[in-house]
């Protein structure tokens, strides 16, 4: 774990270094690499890009899932308190900025392009997150009104879907 943290910190240092070099080139119009030095591309720089893009996709899927649940079950009312909604929006915005910076810096360093994302992945993940929001709530509500067997069936089906297992015949 410490090795991974150290590698990622090294990659972040490298990202800052590359960013400073490129910004300096843009500001003064000539190479400054000799003054700042050049370190080899860290091996996890491409992985960092993949992780950040994955994080942005996960945030988008969570936002879409919450929007669908708000429309379907909350009559369009926001599920988040205003302060939390603002914090969420800021998290999405800052994560997107960091992911864009990492993608650009990786491109500058000549790291091979990442595989294109699966076009259906976002909708699949959104559906999973909707189920994660709705199914436990359904099961809990049914249990509270004395429908324990139906609550159990819903909860068991949800857990099986999460684990990728099917009921035995």
C-alpha atoms as a PDB file:
ATOM      1  CA  UNK A   1       0.000   0.000   0.000  1.00  0.00           C
ATOM      2  CA  UNK A   2       2.798   2.437   0.897  1.00  0.00           C
ATOM      3  CA  UNK A   3       4.465   1.669  -2.434  1.00  0.00           C
ATOM      4  CA  UNK A   4       1.257   2.514  -4.294  1.00  0.00           C
ATOM      5  CA  UNK A   5       0.839   5.753  -2.345  1.00  0.00           C
ATOM      6  CA  UNK A   6       4.476   6.638  -2.997  1.00  0.00           C
ATOM      7  CA  UNK A   7       4.098   5.892  -6.705  1.00  0.00           C
ATOM      8  CA  UNK A   8       0.978   8.013  -6.968  1.00  0.00           C
ATOM      9  CA  UNK A   9       2.599  10.868  -5.048  1.00  0.00           C
ATOM     10  CA  UNK A  10       5.534  10.614  -7.409  1.00  0.00           C
ATOM     11  CA  UNK A  11       3.146  10.716 -10.359  1.00  0.00           C
ATOM     12  CA  UNK A  12       1.433  13.792  -8.948  1.00  0.00           C
ATOM     13  CA  UNK A  13       4.803  15.486  -8.471  1.00  0.00           C
ATOM     14  CA  UNK A  14       5.591  14.612 -12.059  1.00  0.00           C
ATOM     15  CA  UNK A  15       2.233  16.025 -13.228  1.00  0.00           C
ATOM     16  CA  UNK A  16       2.997  19.303 -11.473  1.00  0.00           C
ATOM     17  CA  UNK A  17       6.494  19.363 -12.968  1.00  0.00           C
ATOM     18  CA  UNK A  18       5.181  18.738 -16.480  1.00  0.00           C
ATOM     19  CA  UNK A  19       2.475  21.335 -15.976  1.00  0.00           C
ATOM     20  CA  UNK A  20       5.028  23.909 -14.830  1.00  0.00           C
ATOM     21  CA  UNK A  21       7.244  23.162 -17.824  1.00  0.00           C
ATOM     22  CA  UNK A  22       4.383  23.494 -20.300  1.00  0.00           C
ATOM     23  CA  UNK A  23       3.043  26.647 -18.648  1.00  0.00           C
ATOM     24  CA  UNK A  24       6.518  28.176 -18.665  1.00  0.00           C
ATOM     25  CA  UNK A  25       6.952  27.305 -22.349  1.00  0.00           C
ATOM     26  CA  UNK A  26       3.658  28.991 -23.140  1.00  0.00           C
ATOM     27  CA  UNK A  27       4.526  32.110 -21.122  1.00  0.00           C
ATOM     28  CA  UNK A  28       8.049  32.751 -22.359  1.00  0.00           C
ATOM     29  CA  UNK A  29       7.827  31.061 -25.742  1.00  0.00           C
ATOM     30  CA  UNK A  30      10.871  28.779 -25.634  1.00  0.00           C
ATOM     31  CA  UNK A  31      12.145  25.579 -24.062  1.00  0.00           C
ATOM     32  CA  UNK A  32      12.723  25.696 -20.302  1.00  0.00           C
ATOM     33  CA  UNK A  33      13.155  21.967 -19.907  1.00  0.00           C
ATOM     34  CA  UNK A  34      16.906  22.297 -19.378  1.00  0.00           C
ATOM     35  CA  UNK A  35      16.290  24.520 -16.343  1.00  0.00           C
ATOM     36  CA  UNK A  36      13.558  22.383 -14.801  1.00  0.00           C
ATOM     37  CA  UNK A  37      15.034  18.988 -15.625  1.00  0.00           C
ATOM     38  CA  UNK A  38      13.156  16.055 -17.064  1.00  0.00           C
ATOM     39  CA  UNK A  39      12.317  12.854 -15.295  1.00  0.00           C
ATOM     40  CA  UNK A  40      11.085   9.735 -17.066  1.00  0.00           C
ATOM     41  CA  UNK A  41       7.330   9.182 -17.259  1.00  0.00           C
ATOM     42  CA  UNK A  42       6.211   7.424 -14.072  1.00  0.00           C
ATOM     43  CA  UNK A  43       4.750   4.011 -14.843  1.00  0.00           C
ATOM     44  CA  UNK A  44       1.482   4.767 -13.062  1.00  0.00           C
ATOM     45  CA  UNK A  45       0.785   8.029 -14.938  1.00  0.00           C
ATOM     46  CA  UNK A  46      -1.430   6.192 -17.430  1.00  0.00           C
ATOM     47  CA  UNK A  47      -3.110   4.368 -14.554  1.00  0.00           C
ATOM     48  CA  UNK A  48      -3.753   7.686 -12.843  1.00  0.00           C
ATOM     49  CA  UNK A  49      -5.505   8.916 -15.985  1.00  0.00           C
ATOM     50  CA  UNK A  50      -7.660   5.773 -16.066  1.00  0.00           C
ATOM     51  CA  UNK A  51      -8.555   6.144 -12.377  1.00  0.00           C
ATOM     52  CA  UNK A  52      -9.545   9.785 -12.780  1.00  0.00           C
ATOM     53  CA  UNK A  53     -11.665   9.109 -15.865  1.00  0.00           C
ATOM     54  CA  UNK A  54     -13.288   6.232 -13.993  1.00  0.00           C
ATOM     55  CA  UNK A  55     -14.020   8.516 -11.042  1.00  0.00           C
ATOM     56  CA  UNK A  56     -15.661  11.107 -13.304  1.00  0.00           C
ATOM     57  CA  UNK A  57     -17.803   8.370 -14.880  1.00  0.00           C
ATOM     58  CA  UNK A  58     -18.825   7.092 -11.449  1.00  0.00           C
ATOM     59  CA  UNK A  59     -19.825  10.606 -10.356  1.00  0.00           C
ATOM     60  CA  UNK A  60     -21.879  11.055 -13.529  1.00  0.00           C
ATOM     61  CA  UNK A  61     -23.630   7.710 -13.013  1.00  0.00           C
ATOM     62  CA  UNK A  62     -24.393   8.582  -9.384  1.00  0.00           C
ATOM     63  CA  UNK A  63     -25.816  11.958 -10.416  1.00  0.00           C
ATOM     64  CA  UNK A  64     -27.970  10.365 -13.108  1.00  0.00           C
ATOM     65  CA  UNK A  65     -29.195   7.655 -10.701  1.00  0.00           C
ATOM     66  CA  UNK A  66     -30.107  10.244  -8.096  1.00  0.00           C
ATOM     67  CA  UNK A  67     -31.929  12.329 -10.732  1.00  0.00           C
ATOM     68  CA  UNK A  68     -33.944   9.311 -11.876  1.00  0.00           C
ATOM     69  CA  UNK A  69     -34.879   8.413  -8.296  1.00  0.00           C
ATOM     70  CA  UNK A  70     -35.839  12.023  -7.522  1.00  0.00           C
ATOM     71  CA  UNK A  71     -38.187  12.139 -10.503  1.00  0.00           C
ATOM     72  CA  UNK A  72     -39.695   8.703  -9.944  1.00  0.00           C
ATOM     73  CA  UNK A  73     -40.010   8.582  -6.147  1.00  0.00           C
ATOM     74  CA  UNK A  74     -39.643  12.146  -4.840  1.00  0.00           C
ATOM     75  CA  UNK A  75     -41.909  13.981  -7.292  1.00  0.00           C
ATOM     76  CA  UNK A  76     -38.874  15.796  -8.674  1.00  0.00           C
ATOM     77  CA  UNK A  77     -37.761  17.181  -5.317  1.00  0.00           C
ATOM     78  CA  UNK A  78     -34.030  17.285  -4.648  1.00  0.00           C
ATOM     79  CA  UNK A  79     -32.797  14.451  -2.441  1.00  0.00           C
ATOM     80  CA  UNK A  80     -29.840  16.518  -1.235  1.00  0.00           C
ATOM     81  CA  UNK A  81     -29.855  19.445   1.155  1.00  0.00           C
ATOM     82  CA  UNK A  82     -28.679  22.668  -0.566  1.00  0.00           C
ATOM     83  CA  UNK A  83     -25.236  22.663   1.099  1.00  0.00           C
ATOM     84  CA  UNK A  84     -24.693  19.041   0.125  1.00  0.00           C
ATOM     85  CA  UNK A  85     -25.887  19.733  -3.437  1.00  0.00           C
ATOM     86  CA  UNK A  86     -23.368  22.583  -3.742  1.00  0.00           C
ATOM     87  CA  UNK A  87     -20.589  20.391  -2.348  1.00  0.00           C
ATOM     88  CA  UNK A  88     -21.548  17.620  -4.784  1.00  0.00           C
ATOM     89  CA  UNK A  89     -21.456  20.021  -7.742  1.00  0.00           C
ATOM     90  CA  UNK A  90     -18.042  21.309  -6.640  1.00  0.00           C
ATOM     91  CA  UNK A  91     -16.735  17.742  -6.276  1.00  0.00           C
ATOM     92  CA  UNK A  92     -17.881  16.869  -9.804  1.00  0.00           C
ATOM     93  CA  UNK A  93     -16.404  20.093 -11.210  1.00  0.00           C
ATOM     94  CA  UNK A  94     -13.027  19.741  -9.489  1.00  0.00           C
ATOM     95  CA  UNK A  95     -12.741  16.050 -10.357  1.00  0.00           C
ATOM     96  CA  UNK A  96     -13.476  16.832 -14.005  1.00  0.00           C
ATOM     97  CA  UNK A  97     -10.821  19.567 -14.035  1.00  0.00           C
ATOM     98  CA  UNK A  98      -8.216  17.254 -12.495  1.00  0.00           C
ATOM     99  CA  UNK A  99      -9.118  14.443 -14.918  1.00  0.00           C
ATOM    100  CA  UNK A 100      -8.810  16.817 -17.886  1.00  0.00           C
ATOM    101  CA  UNK A 101      -5.433  18.034 -16.628  1.00  0.00           C
ATOM    102  CA  UNK A 102      -4.185  14.480 -16.176  1.00  0.00           C
ATOM    103  CA  UNK A 103      -5.404  13.475 -19.640  1.00  0.00           C
ATOM    104  CA  UNK A 104      -3.651  16.456 -21.206  1.00  0.00           C
ATOM    105  CA  UNK A 105      -0.410  15.887 -19.300  1.00  0.00           C
ATOM    106  CA  UNK A 106      -0.411  12.209 -20.199  1.00  0.00           C
ATOM    107  CA  UNK A 107      -0.907  13.201 -23.835  1.00  0.00           C
ATOM    108  CA  UNK A 108       2.016  15.659 -23.627  1.00  0.00           C
ATOM    109  CA  UNK A 109       4.235  12.920 -22.184  1.00  0.00           C
ATOM    110  CA  UNK A 110       3.355  10.628 -25.065  1.00  0.00           C
ATOM    111  CA  UNK A 111       1.721   7.902 -22.996  1.00  0.00           C
ATOM    112  CA  UNK A 112      -0.374   5.714 -25.335  1.00  0.00           C
ATOM    113  CA  UNK A 113      -4.060   6.581 -25.494  1.00  0.00           C
ATOM    114  CA  UNK A 114      -6.411   4.742 -23.206  1.00  0.00           C
ATOM    115  CA  UNK A 115      -8.886   2.256 -24.594  1.00  0.00           C
ATOM    116  CA  UNK A 116     -12.174   3.919 -25.516  1.00  0.00           C
ATOM    117  CA  UNK A 117     -14.839   3.595 -22.832  1.00  0.00           C
ATOM    118  CA  UNK A 118     -17.660   1.099 -23.212  1.00  0.00           C
ATOM    119  CA  UNK A 119     -20.581   3.067 -24.642  1.00  0.00           C
ATOM    120  CA  UNK A 120     -23.137   1.241 -22.461  1.00  0.00           C
ATOM    121  CA  UNK A 121     -21.102   1.298 -19.247  1.00  0.00           C
ATOM    122  CA  UNK A 122     -22.617   4.547 -17.949  1.00  0.00           C
ATOM    123  CA  UNK A 123     -26.204   3.383 -18.385  1.00  0.00           C
ATOM    124  CA  UNK A 124     -25.428  -0.010 -16.801  1.00  0.00           C
ATOM    125  CA  UNK A 125     -23.731   1.622 -13.824  1.00  0.00           C
ATOM    126  CA  UNK A 126     -26.586   4.119 -13.469  1.00  0.00           C
ATOM    127  CA  UNK A 127     -29.094   1.241 -13.352  1.00  0.00           C
ATOM    128  CA  UNK A 128     -26.992  -0.484 -10.674  1.00  0.00           C
ATOM    129  CA  UNK A 129     -26.904   2.680  -8.582  1.00  0.00           C
ATOM    130  CA  UNK A 130     -30.655   3.207  -8.945  1.00  0.00           C
ATOM    131  CA  UNK A 131     -31.166  -0.328  -7.618  1.00  0.00           C
ATOM    132  CA  UNK A 132     -28.744   0.425  -4.759  1.00  0.00           C
ATOM    133  CA  UNK A 133     -30.866   3.431  -3.793  1.00  0.00           C
ATOM    134  CA  UNK A 134     -34.318   1.898  -4.287  1.00  0.00           C
ATOM    135  CA  UNK A 135     -34.213  -1.802  -3.406  1.00  0.00           C
ATOM    136  CA  UNK A 136     -32.965  -1.494   0.204  1.00  0.00           C
ATOM    137  CA  UNK A 137     -35.526   1.277   0.816  1.00  0.00           C
ATOM    138  CA  UNK A 138     -38.329  -0.908  -0.581  1.00  0.00           C
ATOM    139  CA  UNK A 139     -37.270  -3.846   1.569  1.00  0.00           C
ATOM    140  CA  UNK A 140     -37.055  -1.695   4.702  1.00  0.00           C
ATOM    141  CA  UNK A 141     -40.471  -0.111   4.076  1.00  0.00           C
ATOM    142  CA  UNK A 142     -42.098  -3.500   3.495  1.00  0.00           C
ATOM    143  CA  UNK A 143     -40.482  -4.888   6.634  1.00  0.00           C
ATOM    144  CA  UNK A 144     -41.797  -1.969   8.690  1.00  0.00           C
ATOM    145  CA  UNK A 145     -45.372  -2.617   7.569  1.00  0.00           C
ATOM    146  CA  UNK A 146     -45.150  -6.308   8.418  1.00  0.00           C
ATOM    147  CA  UNK A 147     -44.438  -7.697   4.957  1.00  0.00           C
ATOM    148  CA  UNK A 148     -41.237  -9.439   6.042  1.00  0.00           C
ATOM    149  CA  UNK A 149     -41.332 -12.224   3.459  1.00  0.00           C
ATOM    150  CA  UNK A 150     -41.705  -9.815   0.530  1.00  0.00           C
ATOM    151  CA  UNK A 151     -39.012  -7.566   2.063  1.00  0.00           C
ATOM    152  CA  UNK A 152     -36.696 -10.556   2.344  1.00  0.00           C
ATOM    153  CA  UNK A 153     -37.314 -11.555  -1.288  1.00  0.00           C
ATOM    154  CA  UNK A 154     -36.509  -8.032  -2.524  1.00  0.00           C
ATOM    155  CA  UNK A 155     -33.391  -7.790  -0.350  1.00  0.00           C
ATOM    156  CA  UNK A 156     -32.191 -11.258  -1.386  1.00  0.00           C
ATOM    157  CA  UNK A 157     -32.688 -10.479  -5.097  1.00  0.00           C
ATOM    158  CA  UNK A 158     -30.784  -7.214  -4.692  1.00  0.00           C
ATOM    159  CA  UNK A 159     -27.890  -8.923  -2.892  1.00  0.00           C
ATOM    160  CA  UNK A 160     -27.792 -11.712  -5.510  1.00  0.00           C
ATOM    161  CA  UNK A 161     -27.607  -9.099  -8.264  1.00  0.00           C
ATOM    162  CA  UNK A 162     -24.732  -7.360  -6.434  1.00  0.00           C
ATOM    163  CA  UNK A 163     -22.880 -10.669  -6.035  1.00  0.00           C
ATOM    164  CA  UNK A 164     -23.705 -11.905  -9.517  1.00  0.00           C
ATOM    165  CA  UNK A 165     -25.319 -15.099  -8.227  1.00  0.00           C
ATOM    166  CA  UNK A 166     -28.603 -16.725  -9.123  1.00  0.00           C
ATOM    167  CA  UNK A 167     -31.029 -18.510  -6.802  1.00  0.00           C
ATOM    168  CA  UNK A 168     -30.688 -22.270  -6.705  1.00  0.00           C
ATOM    169  CA  UNK A 169     -33.514 -24.222  -8.251  1.00  0.00           C
END
